[in-house]
Amino acid sequence: MSRQQSQSGGGLIGLIGVLFLIGLIIKYIWWILAAIGLVLTFWIIAACVRHYQSVEAARQRRAAEIAARADQQHRWVLDGDHRGIYGEDGAELMRYLGRDDWVGVPRWSR
């Protein structure tokens, strides 16, 4: 005949362990909440710092683009190019208005 082994001893130990864990949570709830609060505070601060760094990097890139465009326009002014004063679209208009071959172009008379 076979022998039957009793396996009912684990339930009581598990119940005692769960009750012990619940007791620890109740006793140290404020310490647990304080630790969670600290972790969340540091996480939020780190996220804010990362956001600020990305915004600052974008601002510096924009400032560098503006400085490069200003340097280009300054070189155009020093070279006597109309693009330095009127911009690229305005320079095209100024070339049209400043031309000398107005012969044959209809004009309005007073």
N, C-alpha and C. Protein backbone atom coordinates (compact mmCIF):
# COMPACT_ATOMS: atom_id res chain seq x y z
N MET A 1 0.82 -1.17 0.00
CA MET A 1 0.00 0.00 0.00
C MET A 1 0.87 1.25 0.00
N SER A 2 0.33 2.26 -0.49
CA SER A 2 1.08 3.51 -0.56
C SER A 2 0.80 4.38 0.65
N ARG A 3 1.80 5.13 1.00
CA ARG A 3 1.64 6.03 2.14
C ARG A 3 1.21 7.40 1.65
N GLN A 4 0.29 8.03 2.31
CA GLN A 4 -0.15 9.38 1.96
C GLN A 4 0.60 10.37 2.84
N GLN A 5 1.11 11.43 2.18
CA GLN A 5 1.84 12.45 2.93
C GLN A 5 0.95 13.67 3.11
N SER A 6 1.00 14.25 4.27
CA SER A 6 0.20 15.43 4.57
C SER A 6 0.91 16.67 4.04
N GLN A 7 0.16 17.53 3.33
CA GLN A 7 0.74 18.74 2.76
C GLN A 7 -0.02 19.97 3.23
N SER A 8 -0.60 19.93 4.40
CA SER A 8 -1.41 21.03 4.87
C SER A 8 -0.64 22.02 5.74
N GLY A 9 0.65 21.88 5.94
CA GLY A 9 1.43 22.77 6.81
C GLY A 9 1.78 24.10 6.18
N GLY A 10 1.75 24.22 4.85
CA GLY A 10 2.16 25.44 4.16
C GLY A 10 1.16 26.57 4.25
N GLY A 11 -0.11 26.27 4.41
CA GLY A 11 -1.13 27.31 4.46
C GLY A 11 -1.02 28.19 5.68
N LEU A 12 -0.72 27.60 6.81
CA LEU A 12 -0.61 28.36 8.04
C LEU A 12 0.62 29.28 8.01
N ILE A 13 1.72 28.80 7.48
CA ILE A 13 2.93 29.63 7.39
C ILE A 13 2.70 30.79 6.42
N GLY A 14 2.00 30.55 5.34
CA GLY A 14 1.69 31.62 4.38
C GLY A 14 0.80 32.68 5.00
N LEU A 15 -0.20 32.24 5.78
CA LEU A 15 -1.11 33.18 6.44
C LEU A 15 -0.35 34.03 7.46
N ILE A 16 0.53 33.42 8.21
CA ILE A 16 1.33 34.17 9.19
C ILE A 16 2.24 35.17 8.47
N GLY A 17 2.81 34.77 7.35
CA GLY A 17 3.67 35.68 6.58
C GLY A 17 2.90 36.88 6.05
N VAL A 18 1.70 36.65 5.53
CA VAL A 18 0.88 37.74 5.00
C VAL A 18 0.48 38.69 6.12
N LEU A 19 0.07 38.13 7.27
CA LEU A 19 -0.30 38.97 8.41
C LEU A 19 0.90 39.78 8.91
N PHE A 20 2.07 39.18 8.92
CA PHE A 20 3.29 39.90 9.33
C PHE A 20 3.59 41.04 8.36
N LEU A 21 3.43 40.80 7.06
CA LEU A 21 3.67 41.84 6.06
C LEU A 21 2.66 42.97 6.19
N ILE A 22 1.40 42.65 6.42
CA ILE A 22 0.37 43.68 6.61
C ILE A 22 0.68 44.49 7.87
N GLY A 23 1.14 43.83 8.91
CA GLY A 23 1.52 44.54 10.14
C GLY A 23 2.66 45.51 9.91
N LEU A 24 3.67 45.09 9.14
CA LEU A 24 4.79 45.99 8.82
C LEU A 24 4.32 47.19 8.01
N ILE A 25 3.44 46.95 7.06
CA ILE A 25 2.93 48.05 6.23
C ILE A 25 2.16 49.04 7.10
N ILE A 26 1.32 48.54 7.99
CA ILE A 26 0.54 49.43 8.86
C ILE A 26 1.46 50.22 9.80
N LYS A 27 2.46 49.56 10.35
CA LYS A 27 3.35 50.23 11.30
C LYS A 27 4.22 51.29 10.61
N TYR A 28 4.71 51.01 9.41
CA TYR A 28 5.64 51.91 8.73
C TYR A 28 5.02 52.60 7.52
N ILE A 29 3.71 52.82 7.51
CA ILE A 29 3.04 53.40 6.34
C ILE A 29 3.58 54.79 6.03
N TRP A 30 3.84 55.60 7.08
CA TRP A 30 4.32 56.96 6.82
C TRP A 30 5.74 56.95 6.25
N TRP A 31 6.57 56.03 6.68
CA TRP A 31 7.91 55.92 6.10
C TRP A 31 7.83 55.46 4.64
N ILE A 32 6.93 54.55 4.38
CA ILE A 32 6.75 54.05 3.00
C ILE A 32 6.26 55.17 2.10
N LEU A 33 5.26 55.93 2.58
CA LEU A 33 4.74 57.04 1.78
C LEU A 33 5.80 58.13 1.58
N ALA A 34 6.61 58.39 2.60
CA ALA A 34 7.68 59.38 2.47
C ALA A 34 8.71 58.93 1.43
N ALA A 35 9.06 57.66 1.43
CA ALA A 35 10.01 57.15 0.44
C ALA A 35 9.44 57.25 -0.97
N ILE A 36 8.17 56.91 -1.13
CA ILE A 36 7.53 57.04 -2.45
C ILE A 36 7.50 58.50 -2.88
N GLY A 37 7.20 59.40 -1.93
CA GLY A 37 7.20 60.83 -2.24
C GLY A 37 8.56 61.33 -2.67
N LEU A 38 9.62 60.88 -2.00
CA LEU A 38 10.97 61.28 -2.39
C LEU A 38 11.33 60.79 -3.78
N VAL A 39 11.00 59.55 -4.06
CA VAL A 39 11.30 59.00 -5.39
C VAL A 39 10.56 59.78 -6.47
N LEU A 40 9.27 60.07 -6.24
CA LEU A 40 8.50 60.84 -7.22
C LEU A 40 9.05 62.25 -7.37
N THR A 41 9.45 62.87 -6.26
CA THR A 41 10.02 64.22 -6.33
C THR A 41 11.28 64.23 -7.18
N PHE A 42 12.18 63.31 -6.94
CA PHE A 42 13.41 63.27 -7.72
C PHE A 42 13.13 62.95 -9.19
N TRP A 43 12.16 62.10 -9.45
CA TRP A 43 11.81 61.76 -10.84
C TRP A 43 11.26 62.99 -11.56
N ILE A 44 10.39 63.75 -10.88
CA ILE A 44 9.81 64.95 -11.50
C ILE A 44 10.89 66.01 -11.73
N ILE A 45 11.79 66.18 -10.78
CA ILE A 45 12.88 67.15 -10.95
C ILE A 45 13.76 66.75 -12.12
N ALA A 46 14.08 65.48 -12.25
CA ALA A 46 14.90 65.02 -13.37
C ALA A 46 14.20 65.26 -14.71
N ALA A 47 12.89 65.04 -14.75
CA ALA A 47 12.14 65.29 -15.99
C ALA A 47 12.14 66.78 -16.33
N CYS A 48 12.00 67.63 -15.33
CA CYS A 48 12.04 69.08 -15.57
C CYS A 48 13.41 69.52 -16.07
N VAL A 49 14.46 68.97 -15.51
CA VAL A 49 15.82 69.32 -15.95
C VAL A 49 16.04 68.88 -17.40
N ARG A 50 15.59 67.67 -17.74
CA ARG A 50 15.74 67.20 -19.13
C ARG A 50 14.97 68.10 -20.09
N HIS A 51 13.76 68.51 -19.71
CA HIS A 51 12.96 69.39 -20.56
C HIS A 51 13.65 70.74 -20.72
N TYR A 52 14.16 71.31 -19.63
CA TYR A 52 14.84 72.59 -19.70
C TYR A 52 16.07 72.49 -20.60
N GLN A 53 16.82 71.41 -20.51
CA GLN A 53 18.01 71.25 -21.34
C GLN A 53 17.65 71.15 -22.81
N SER A 54 16.56 70.47 -23.14
CA SER A 54 16.15 70.37 -24.55
C SER A 54 15.67 71.72 -25.07
N VAL A 55 14.94 72.48 -24.24
CA VAL A 55 14.48 73.81 -24.65
C VAL A 55 15.68 74.74 -24.84
N GLU A 56 16.64 74.67 -23.94
CA GLU A 56 17.83 75.52 -24.05
C GLU A 56 18.65 75.16 -25.29
N ALA A 57 18.76 73.88 -25.60
CA ALA A 57 19.49 73.47 -26.80
C ALA A 57 18.79 73.98 -28.05
N ALA A 58 17.46 73.92 -28.08
CA ALA A 58 16.71 74.44 -29.23
C ALA A 58 16.89 75.95 -29.36
N ARG A 59 16.90 76.66 -28.23
CA ARG A 59 17.10 78.10 -28.26
C ARG A 59 18.50 78.45 -28.78
N GLN A 60 19.49 77.70 -28.37
CA GLN A 60 20.85 77.95 -28.85
C GLN A 60 20.99 77.65 -30.33
N ARG A 61 20.32 76.58 -30.81
CA ARG A 61 20.35 76.29 -32.25
C ARG A 61 19.71 77.43 -33.04
N ARG A 62 18.58 77.93 -32.55
CA ARG A 62 17.88 79.03 -33.22
C ARG A 62 18.75 80.29 -33.24
N ALA A 63 19.42 80.59 -32.13
CA ALA A 63 20.30 81.76 -32.07
C ALA A 63 21.47 81.60 -33.04
N ALA A 64 22.00 80.39 -33.17
CA ALA A 64 23.10 80.15 -34.10
C ALA A 64 22.63 80.33 -35.55
N GLU A 65 21.41 79.88 -35.85
CA GLU A 65 20.87 80.06 -37.21
C GLU A 65 20.69 81.54 -37.52
N ILE A 66 20.18 82.32 -36.56
CA ILE A 66 19.99 83.75 -36.78
C ILE A 66 21.33 84.44 -36.96
N ALA A 67 22.33 84.07 -36.16
CA ALA A 67 23.65 84.67 -36.28
C ALA A 67 24.28 84.34 -37.63
N ALA A 68 24.10 83.12 -38.10
CA ALA A 68 24.66 82.74 -39.41
C ALA A 68 23.98 83.52 -40.53
N ARG A 69 22.65 83.70 -40.43
CA ARG A 69 21.93 84.47 -41.44
C ARG A 69 22.36 85.94 -41.40
N ALA A 70 22.57 86.49 -40.21
CA ALA A 70 23.01 87.88 -40.09
C ALA A 70 24.41 88.06 -40.67
N ASP A 71 25.29 87.10 -40.43
CA ASP A 71 26.64 87.18 -41.00
C ASP A 71 26.58 87.14 -42.53
N GLN A 72 25.73 86.28 -43.08
CA GLN A 72 25.59 86.20 -44.53
C GLN A 72 25.07 87.52 -45.09
N GLN A 73 24.06 88.10 -44.46
CA GLN A 73 23.52 89.37 -44.93
C GLN A 73 24.55 90.49 -44.79
N HIS A 74 25.35 90.45 -43.75
CA HIS A 74 26.40 91.46 -43.58
C HIS A 74 27.44 91.34 -44.69
N ARG A 75 27.81 90.12 -45.04
CA ARG A 75 28.76 89.94 -46.16
C ARG A 75 28.17 90.46 -47.46
N TRP A 76 26.86 90.23 -47.66
CA TRP A 76 26.21 90.74 -48.86
C TRP A 76 26.23 92.27 -48.89
N VAL A 77 25.98 92.90 -47.75
CA VAL A 77 26.02 94.38 -47.70
C VAL A 77 27.41 94.87 -48.02
N LEU A 78 28.43 94.24 -47.45
CA LEU A 78 29.81 94.67 -47.71
C LEU A 78 30.19 94.46 -49.16
N ASP A 79 29.61 93.47 -49.82
CA ASP A 79 29.89 93.21 -51.23
C ASP A 79 29.05 94.08 -52.15
N GLY A 80 28.10 94.86 -51.59
CA GLY A 80 27.25 95.71 -52.41
C GLY A 80 26.06 94.98 -53.00
N ASP A 81 25.75 93.83 -52.50
CA ASP A 81 24.63 93.05 -53.00
C ASP A 81 23.33 93.54 -52.35
N HIS A 82 22.26 93.69 -53.16
CA HIS A 82 20.98 94.17 -52.65
C HIS A 82 20.34 93.18 -51.67
N ARG A 83 20.72 91.92 -51.72
CA ARG A 83 20.13 90.93 -50.82
C ARG A 83 20.44 91.25 -49.35
N GLY A 84 21.55 91.93 -49.11
CA GLY A 84 21.92 92.28 -47.74
C GLY A 84 20.98 93.29 -47.13
N ILE A 85 20.36 94.14 -47.94
CA ILE A 85 19.45 95.17 -47.43
C ILE A 85 18.00 94.74 -47.55
N TYR A 86 17.62 94.24 -48.73
CA TYR A 86 16.22 93.97 -49.01
C TYR A 86 15.82 92.51 -48.83
N GLY A 87 16.76 91.64 -48.58
CA GLY A 87 16.45 90.21 -48.51
C GLY A 87 16.48 89.61 -49.90
N GLU A 88 16.32 88.30 -49.98
CA GLU A 88 16.45 87.64 -51.28
C GLU A 88 15.29 87.97 -52.20
N ASP A 89 14.07 88.04 -51.67
CA ASP A 89 12.91 88.37 -52.51
C ASP A 89 12.92 89.85 -52.88
N GLY A 90 13.26 90.71 -51.94
CA GLY A 90 13.29 92.14 -52.20
C GLY A 90 14.39 92.53 -53.17
N ALA A 91 15.49 91.81 -53.18
CA ALA A 91 16.59 92.11 -54.10
C ALA A 91 16.16 91.89 -55.54
N GLU A 92 15.36 90.88 -55.78
CA GLU A 92 14.85 90.62 -57.13
C GLU A 92 14.00 91.79 -57.60
N LEU A 93 13.14 92.31 -56.73
CA LEU A 93 12.31 93.47 -57.06
C LEU A 93 13.17 94.71 -57.29
N MET A 94 14.18 94.91 -56.47
CA MET A 94 15.05 96.08 -56.62
C MET A 94 15.86 95.99 -57.92
N ARG A 95 16.25 94.81 -58.34
CA ARG A 95 16.94 94.68 -59.63
C ARG A 95 16.00 95.07 -60.76
N TYR A 96 14.73 94.71 -60.62
CA TYR A 96 13.75 95.06 -61.64
C TYR A 96 13.52 96.57 -61.65
N LEU A 97 13.36 97.17 -60.47
CA LEU A 97 13.10 98.60 -60.40
C LEU A 97 14.32 99.43 -60.74
N GLY A 98 15.49 98.93 -60.47
CA GLY A 98 16.71 99.69 -60.69
C GLY A 98 17.31 99.52 -62.07
N ARG A 99 16.64 98.84 -62.96
CA ARG A 99 17.23 98.60 -64.28
C ARG A 99 17.20 99.87 -65.12
N ASP A 100 18.03 99.92 -66.15
CA ASP A 100 18.16 101.10 -67.01
C ASP A 100 17.46 100.93 -68.34
N ASP A 101 16.96 99.78 -68.67
CA ASP A 101 16.36 99.55 -69.99
C ASP A 101 14.84 99.68 -69.93
N TRP A 102 14.35 100.86 -69.63
CA TRP A 102 12.91 101.10 -69.54
C TRP A 102 12.32 101.47 -70.90
N VAL A 103 13.11 101.44 -71.94
CA VAL A 103 12.62 101.80 -73.27
C VAL A 103 11.60 100.76 -73.71
N GLY A 104 10.46 101.23 -74.16
CA GLY A 104 9.44 100.33 -74.65
C GLY A 104 8.48 99.85 -73.58
N VAL A 105 8.73 100.18 -72.36
CA VAL A 105 7.83 99.77 -71.28
C VAL A 105 6.77 100.85 -71.13
N PRO A 106 5.50 100.49 -71.19
CA PRO A 106 4.46 101.52 -71.08
C PRO A 106 4.48 102.20 -69.71
N ARG A 107 4.32 103.53 -69.75
CA ARG A 107 4.29 104.30 -68.50
C ARG A 107 3.02 105.11 -68.46
N TRP A 108 2.62 105.43 -67.25
CA TRP A 108 1.44 106.27 -67.10
C TRP A 108 1.89 107.73 -67.10
N SER A 109 1.22 108.53 -67.86
CA SER A 109 1.58 109.95 -67.91
C SER A 109 0.55 110.75 -67.13
N ARG A 110 0.97 111.89 -66.68
CA ARG A 110 0.06 112.74 -65.90
C ARG A 110 -0.62 113.72 -66.75
